[in-house]
């Protein structure tokens, strides 16, 4: 089954013919990682362990090594992230945002990927 082209927080993407657009390749991996990291554990009824819940760290006293460890553990559960080369993760907190930068190797394609995003309350 293919994944639908959808970044968390946005609308589903449509194909040129007006049907729902599938996503493949590097974008598929980025979408899956982002969804996993911002989803709160317990939000998916049938997968209560799914998600990192990064939003809970925004504006709180943060333990950066703990957050990086959480991110690493979660993204390695995705099949698009190579297990052979360790991902490089940086996290920068501020009062209202948590800036995350992840560099990893896409497992199916063997290509380097960078994913940068901010989490707000």
N, C-alpha and C. Protein backbone atom coordinates (compact mmCIF):
# COMPACT_ATOMS: atom_id res chain seq x y z
N UNK A 1 0.84 -1.17 0.00
CA UNK A 1 0.00 0.00 0.00
C UNK A 1 0.89 1.24 0.00
N UNK A 2 0.55 2.21 -0.80
CA UNK A 2 1.31 3.44 -0.88
C UNK A 2 0.86 4.42 0.18
N UNK A 3 1.77 5.30 0.57
CA UNK A 3 1.44 6.37 1.50
C UNK A 3 0.82 7.53 0.72
N UNK A 4 -0.10 8.25 1.38
CA UNK A 4 -0.66 9.46 0.78
C UNK A 4 0.30 10.61 1.00
N UNK A 5 0.35 11.53 0.04
CA UNK A 5 1.21 12.70 0.11
C UNK A 5 0.59 13.70 1.08
N UNK A 6 1.14 13.71 2.30
CA UNK A 6 0.55 14.56 3.35
C UNK A 6 1.59 14.88 4.41
N UNK A 7 1.93 16.17 4.53
CA UNK A 7 2.77 16.61 5.63
C UNK A 7 1.86 16.92 6.81
N UNK A 8 2.23 16.45 7.98
CA UNK A 8 1.43 16.68 9.18
C UNK A 8 1.17 18.17 9.36
N UNK A 9 -0.08 18.49 9.63
CA UNK A 9 -0.47 19.88 9.81
C UNK A 9 -0.95 20.54 8.54
N UNK A 10 -0.83 19.85 7.41
CA UNK A 10 -1.26 20.40 6.13
C UNK A 10 -2.39 19.59 5.53
N UNK A 11 -2.76 19.95 4.32
CA UNK A 11 -3.81 19.25 3.60
C UNK A 11 -3.24 18.07 2.81
N UNK A 12 -4.08 17.12 2.50
CA UNK A 12 -3.69 16.05 1.59
C UNK A 12 -3.41 16.65 0.22
N UNK A 13 -2.38 16.17 -0.45
CA UNK A 13 -2.03 16.67 -1.77
C UNK A 13 -2.87 15.95 -2.83
N UNK A 14 -3.21 16.69 -3.86
CA UNK A 14 -3.98 16.13 -4.97
C UNK A 14 -3.09 15.94 -6.19
N UNK A 15 -3.41 14.94 -6.99
CA UNK A 15 -2.71 14.70 -8.24
C UNK A 15 -3.25 15.68 -9.29
N UNK A 16 -2.62 15.77 -10.44
CA UNK A 16 -3.12 16.65 -11.50
C UNK A 16 -4.55 16.31 -11.95
N UNK A 17 -4.97 15.06 -11.74
CA UNK A 17 -6.33 14.67 -12.14
C UNK A 17 -7.36 14.90 -11.04
N UNK A 18 -6.89 15.36 -9.85
CA UNK A 18 -7.81 15.65 -8.77
C UNK A 18 -7.98 14.53 -7.75
N UNK A 19 -7.31 13.40 -7.96
CA UNK A 19 -7.39 12.32 -6.97
C UNK A 19 -6.30 12.52 -5.91
N UNK A 20 -6.37 11.73 -4.85
CA UNK A 20 -5.35 11.84 -3.81
C UNK A 20 -4.00 11.40 -4.36
N UNK A 21 -2.98 12.17 -4.04
CA UNK A 21 -1.65 11.93 -4.56
C UNK A 21 -0.85 11.01 -3.63
N UNK A 22 -0.25 9.95 -4.18
CA UNK A 22 0.63 9.12 -3.35
C UNK A 22 2.01 9.78 -3.26
N UNK A 23 2.81 9.33 -2.31
CA UNK A 23 4.16 9.86 -2.15
C UNK A 23 5.14 8.70 -2.14
N UNK A 24 6.32 8.93 -2.71
CA UNK A 24 7.35 7.90 -2.77
C UNK A 24 8.70 8.54 -2.51
N UNK A 25 9.71 7.72 -2.41
CA UNK A 25 11.08 8.20 -2.34
C UNK A 25 11.40 8.98 -1.08
N UNK A 26 12.26 10.00 -1.24
CA UNK A 26 12.74 10.77 -0.10
C UNK A 26 11.62 11.51 0.62
N UNK A 27 10.64 12.02 -0.12
CA UNK A 27 9.53 12.74 0.51
C UNK A 27 8.71 11.81 1.41
N UNK A 28 8.53 10.57 0.99
CA UNK A 28 7.81 9.61 1.82
C UNK A 28 8.48 9.46 3.18
N UNK A 29 9.80 9.28 3.17
CA UNK A 29 10.54 9.13 4.40
C UNK A 29 10.46 10.37 5.28
N UNK A 30 10.60 11.54 4.69
CA UNK A 30 10.51 12.78 5.47
C UNK A 30 9.14 12.92 6.13
N UNK A 31 8.09 12.62 5.38
CA UNK A 31 6.74 12.73 5.93
C UNK A 31 6.53 11.76 7.08
N UNK A 32 7.02 10.55 6.93
CA UNK A 32 6.83 9.54 7.97
C UNK A 32 7.61 9.90 9.24
N UNK A 33 8.83 10.40 9.08
CA UNK A 33 9.64 10.80 10.24
C UNK A 33 8.99 11.97 10.96
N UNK A 34 8.60 12.99 10.22
CA UNK A 34 7.98 14.16 10.83
C UNK A 34 6.70 13.78 11.58
N UNK A 35 5.87 12.95 10.96
CA UNK A 35 4.62 12.51 11.61
C UNK A 35 4.92 11.77 12.91
N UNK A 36 5.90 10.89 12.88
CA UNK A 36 6.25 10.11 14.08
C UNK A 36 6.74 11.03 15.20
N UNK A 37 7.56 12.02 14.86
CA UNK A 37 8.16 12.85 15.89
C UNK A 37 7.19 13.83 16.54
N UNK A 38 6.20 14.29 15.80
CA UNK A 38 5.28 15.26 16.41
C UNK A 38 4.02 14.61 16.99
N UNK A 39 3.78 13.36 16.67
CA UNK A 39 2.62 12.65 17.24
C UNK A 39 2.89 12.30 18.69
N UNK A 40 1.91 12.57 19.54
CA UNK A 40 2.02 12.23 20.96
C UNK A 40 1.80 10.74 21.16
N UNK A 41 2.61 10.10 22.02
CA UNK A 41 2.34 8.70 22.34
C UNK A 41 0.92 8.56 22.88
N UNK A 42 0.21 7.56 22.41
CA UNK A 42 -1.16 7.33 22.84
C UNK A 42 -2.21 7.96 21.93
N UNK A 43 -1.80 8.82 21.00
CA UNK A 43 -2.77 9.46 20.09
C UNK A 43 -3.37 8.48 19.08
N UNK A 44 -2.61 7.45 18.70
CA UNK A 44 -3.14 6.44 17.78
C UNK A 44 -3.68 5.29 18.62
N UNK A 45 -4.98 5.13 18.61
CA UNK A 45 -5.67 4.17 19.47
C UNK A 45 -5.08 2.76 19.38
N UNK A 46 -4.80 2.28 18.17
CA UNK A 46 -4.33 0.91 18.01
C UNK A 46 -2.80 0.78 18.04
N UNK A 47 -2.11 1.91 18.19
CA UNK A 47 -0.64 1.92 18.29
C UNK A 47 -0.24 2.91 19.38
N UNK A 48 -0.55 2.62 20.64
CA UNK A 48 -0.33 3.59 21.71
C UNK A 48 1.15 3.95 21.94
N UNK A 49 2.07 3.13 21.48
CA UNK A 49 3.49 3.41 21.67
C UNK A 49 4.07 4.26 20.54
N UNK A 50 3.28 4.53 19.49
CA UNK A 50 3.75 5.30 18.33
C UNK A 50 3.89 6.77 18.69
N UNK A 51 4.99 7.37 18.32
CA UNK A 51 5.17 8.81 18.44
C UNK A 51 6.16 9.24 19.51
N UNK A 52 6.78 10.40 19.27
CA UNK A 52 7.75 10.95 20.21
C UNK A 52 7.16 12.09 21.03
N UNK A 53 6.15 12.77 20.51
CA UNK A 53 5.52 13.86 21.25
C UNK A 53 6.45 15.03 21.52
N UNK A 54 7.19 15.48 20.51
CA UNK A 54 8.15 16.56 20.72
C UNK A 54 7.51 17.86 21.22
N UNK A 55 6.25 18.07 20.95
CA UNK A 55 5.58 19.28 21.39
C UNK A 55 5.62 19.49 22.90
N UNK A 56 5.69 18.42 23.65
CA UNK A 56 5.71 18.55 25.12
C UNK A 56 7.00 19.15 25.65
N UNK A 57 8.04 19.22 24.80
CA UNK A 57 9.31 19.79 25.22
C UNK A 57 9.43 21.29 24.93
N UNK A 58 8.49 21.84 24.18
CA UNK A 58 8.53 23.26 23.84
C UNK A 58 8.24 24.08 25.08
N UNK A 59 9.14 25.02 25.40
CA UNK A 59 8.95 25.91 26.54
C UNK A 59 9.23 25.29 27.89
N UNK A 60 9.63 24.03 27.93
CA UNK A 60 9.92 23.36 29.19
C UNK A 60 11.43 23.33 29.42
N UNK A 61 11.83 23.05 30.64
CA UNK A 61 13.25 22.80 30.88
C UNK A 61 13.62 21.57 30.07
N UNK A 62 14.62 21.73 29.25
CA UNK A 62 14.91 20.64 28.32
C UNK A 62 16.27 20.00 28.60
N UNK A 63 16.29 18.72 28.42
CA UNK A 63 17.50 17.94 28.49
C UNK A 63 17.80 17.55 27.05
N UNK A 64 18.66 18.33 26.39
CA UNK A 64 18.93 18.15 24.96
C UNK A 64 19.40 16.72 24.64
N UNK A 65 20.35 16.14 25.38
CA UNK A 65 20.74 14.76 25.07
C UNK A 65 19.57 13.77 25.15
N UNK A 66 18.64 14.00 26.08
CA UNK A 66 17.47 13.12 26.19
C UNK A 66 16.57 13.26 24.96
N UNK A 67 16.38 14.49 24.49
CA UNK A 67 15.54 14.71 23.31
C UNK A 67 16.19 14.10 22.07
N UNK A 68 17.49 14.29 21.93
CA UNK A 68 18.21 13.71 20.79
C UNK A 68 18.12 12.19 20.82
N UNK A 69 18.25 11.60 21.99
CA UNK A 69 18.13 10.15 22.13
C UNK A 69 16.72 9.68 21.75
N UNK A 70 15.71 10.42 22.19
CA UNK A 70 14.33 10.09 21.84
C UNK A 70 14.12 10.14 20.33
N UNK A 71 14.62 11.21 19.70
CA UNK A 71 14.49 11.35 18.25
C UNK A 71 15.19 10.21 17.54
N UNK A 72 16.42 9.92 17.94
CA UNK A 72 17.19 8.84 17.30
C UNK A 72 16.44 7.50 17.42
N UNK A 73 15.96 7.19 18.60
CA UNK A 73 15.24 5.93 18.80
C UNK A 73 13.99 5.84 17.96
N UNK A 74 13.27 6.95 17.83
CA UNK A 74 12.03 6.95 17.05
C UNK A 74 12.30 6.85 15.55
N UNK A 75 13.27 7.62 15.04
CA UNK A 75 13.46 7.60 13.58
C UNK A 75 14.07 6.29 13.12
N UNK A 76 14.81 5.62 13.98
CA UNK A 76 15.37 4.32 13.58
C UNK A 76 14.29 3.25 13.46
N UNK A 77 13.08 3.54 13.93
CA UNK A 77 11.95 2.62 13.74
C UNK A 77 11.36 2.71 12.34
N UNK A 78 11.73 3.75 11.60
CA UNK A 78 11.23 3.92 10.24
C UNK A 78 12.14 3.18 9.26
N UNK A 79 11.54 2.49 8.30
CA UNK A 79 12.32 1.70 7.34
C UNK A 79 13.13 2.55 6.37
N UNK A 80 12.85 3.84 6.28
CA UNK A 80 13.57 4.71 5.35
C UNK A 80 14.92 5.17 5.92
N UNK A 81 15.16 5.00 7.20
CA UNK A 81 16.39 5.46 7.83
C UNK A 81 17.39 4.32 7.90
N UNK A 82 18.56 4.54 7.30
CA UNK A 82 19.60 3.52 7.29
C UNK A 82 20.10 3.23 8.70
N UNK A 83 20.24 1.97 9.03
CA UNK A 83 20.75 1.57 10.34
C UNK A 83 22.28 1.50 10.33
N UNK A 84 22.89 1.52 9.13
CA UNK A 84 24.34 1.39 9.01
C UNK A 84 25.07 2.68 9.34
N UNK A 85 24.51 3.82 8.94
CA UNK A 85 25.12 5.12 9.22
C UNK A 85 24.24 5.86 10.22
N UNK A 86 24.82 6.22 11.34
CA UNK A 86 24.05 6.87 12.40
C UNK A 86 23.56 8.24 11.96
N UNK A 87 22.29 8.57 12.22
CA UNK A 87 21.80 9.90 11.91
C UNK A 87 22.48 10.95 12.78
N UNK A 88 22.63 12.15 12.22
CA UNK A 88 23.19 13.28 12.95
C UNK A 88 22.02 14.20 13.30
N UNK A 89 21.84 14.46 14.60
CA UNK A 89 20.67 15.19 15.07
C UNK A 89 21.11 16.37 15.92
N UNK A 90 20.52 17.54 15.66
CA UNK A 90 20.75 18.69 16.54
C UNK A 90 19.40 19.28 16.93
N UNK A 91 19.33 19.76 18.16
CA UNK A 91 18.11 20.34 18.70
C UNK A 91 18.47 21.66 19.36
N UNK A 92 17.71 22.71 19.01
CA UNK A 92 17.92 24.02 19.61
C UNK A 92 16.60 24.50 20.21
N UNK A 93 16.53 24.61 21.54
CA UNK A 93 15.29 25.06 22.16
C UNK A 93 15.25 26.58 22.30
N UNK A 94 14.04 27.13 22.30
CA UNK A 94 13.81 28.52 22.69
C UNK A 94 12.50 28.52 23.47
N UNK A 95 12.04 29.69 23.86
CA UNK A 95 10.83 29.76 24.68
C UNK A 95 9.60 29.20 23.97
N UNK A 96 9.48 29.46 22.69
CA UNK A 96 8.25 29.10 21.97
C UNK A 96 8.43 28.04 20.89
N UNK A 97 9.66 27.62 20.62
CA UNK A 97 9.89 26.64 19.57
C UNK A 97 11.00 25.66 19.96
N UNK A 98 11.01 24.58 19.25
CA UNK A 98 12.07 23.59 19.34
C UNK A 98 12.52 23.36 17.90
N UNK A 99 13.74 23.80 17.57
CA UNK A 99 14.26 23.63 16.22
C UNK A 99 15.03 22.32 16.13
N UNK A 100 14.70 21.52 15.14
CA UNK A 100 15.30 20.19 14.98
C UNK A 100 15.91 20.09 13.59
N UNK A 101 17.13 19.57 13.52
CA UNK A 101 17.80 19.32 12.26
C UNK A 101 18.31 17.88 12.28
N UNK A 102 17.90 17.09 11.29
CA UNK A 102 18.26 15.67 11.22
C UNK A 102 18.89 15.40 9.86
N UNK A 103 20.07 14.79 9.87
CA UNK A 103 20.70 14.32 8.64
C UNK A 103 20.81 12.81 8.75
N UNK A 104 20.32 12.12 7.75
CA UNK A 104 20.34 10.66 7.76
C UNK A 104 20.52 10.15 6.34
N UNK A 105 20.75 8.87 6.21
CA UNK A 105 20.86 8.25 4.89
C UNK A 105 19.58 7.46 4.63
N UNK A 106 18.96 7.74 3.48
CA UNK A 106 17.76 7.02 3.09
C UNK A 106 18.14 5.58 2.78
N UNK A 107 17.52 4.65 3.45
CA UNK A 107 17.87 3.24 3.33
C UNK A 107 17.60 2.67 1.93
N UNK A 108 16.39 2.85 1.36
CA UNK A 108 16.16 2.26 0.04
C UNK A 108 17.02 2.87 -1.07
N UNK A 109 17.26 4.18 -1.03
CA UNK A 109 17.97 4.86 -2.11
C UNK A 109 19.45 5.08 -1.84
N UNK A 110 19.85 5.01 -0.56
CA UNK A 110 21.25 5.24 -0.21
C UNK A 110 21.67 6.69 -0.33
N UNK A 111 20.73 7.61 -0.39
CA UNK A 111 21.03 9.03 -0.55
C UNK A 111 20.98 9.76 0.78
N UNK A 112 21.85 10.78 0.95
CA UNK A 112 21.78 11.58 2.17
C UNK A 112 20.54 12.48 2.15
N UNK A 113 19.93 12.65 3.32
CA UNK A 113 18.71 13.44 3.45
C UNK A 113 18.87 14.37 4.65
N UNK A 114 18.39 15.60 4.50
CA UNK A 114 18.34 16.53 5.62
C UNK A 114 16.90 16.93 5.85
N UNK A 115 16.47 16.85 7.10
CA UNK A 115 15.11 17.24 7.48
C UNK A 115 15.23 18.25 8.60
N UNK A 116 14.75 19.47 8.36
CA UNK A 116 14.77 20.53 9.36
C UNK A 116 13.35 21.01 9.59
N UNK A 117 12.98 21.21 10.85
CA UNK A 117 11.64 21.69 11.16
C UNK A 117 11.63 22.30 12.55
N UNK A 118 10.57 23.04 12.83
CA UNK A 118 10.37 23.62 14.15
C UNK A 118 9.07 23.11 14.72
N UNK A 119 9.07 22.87 16.01
CA UNK A 119 7.86 22.44 16.72
C UNK A 119 7.43 23.59 17.59
N UNK A 120 6.18 23.99 17.47
CA UNK A 120 5.59 25.06 18.28
C UNK A 120 4.58 24.46 19.23
N UNK A 121 4.19 25.24 20.21
CA UNK A 121 3.15 24.78 21.13
C UNK A 121 1.84 24.64 20.42
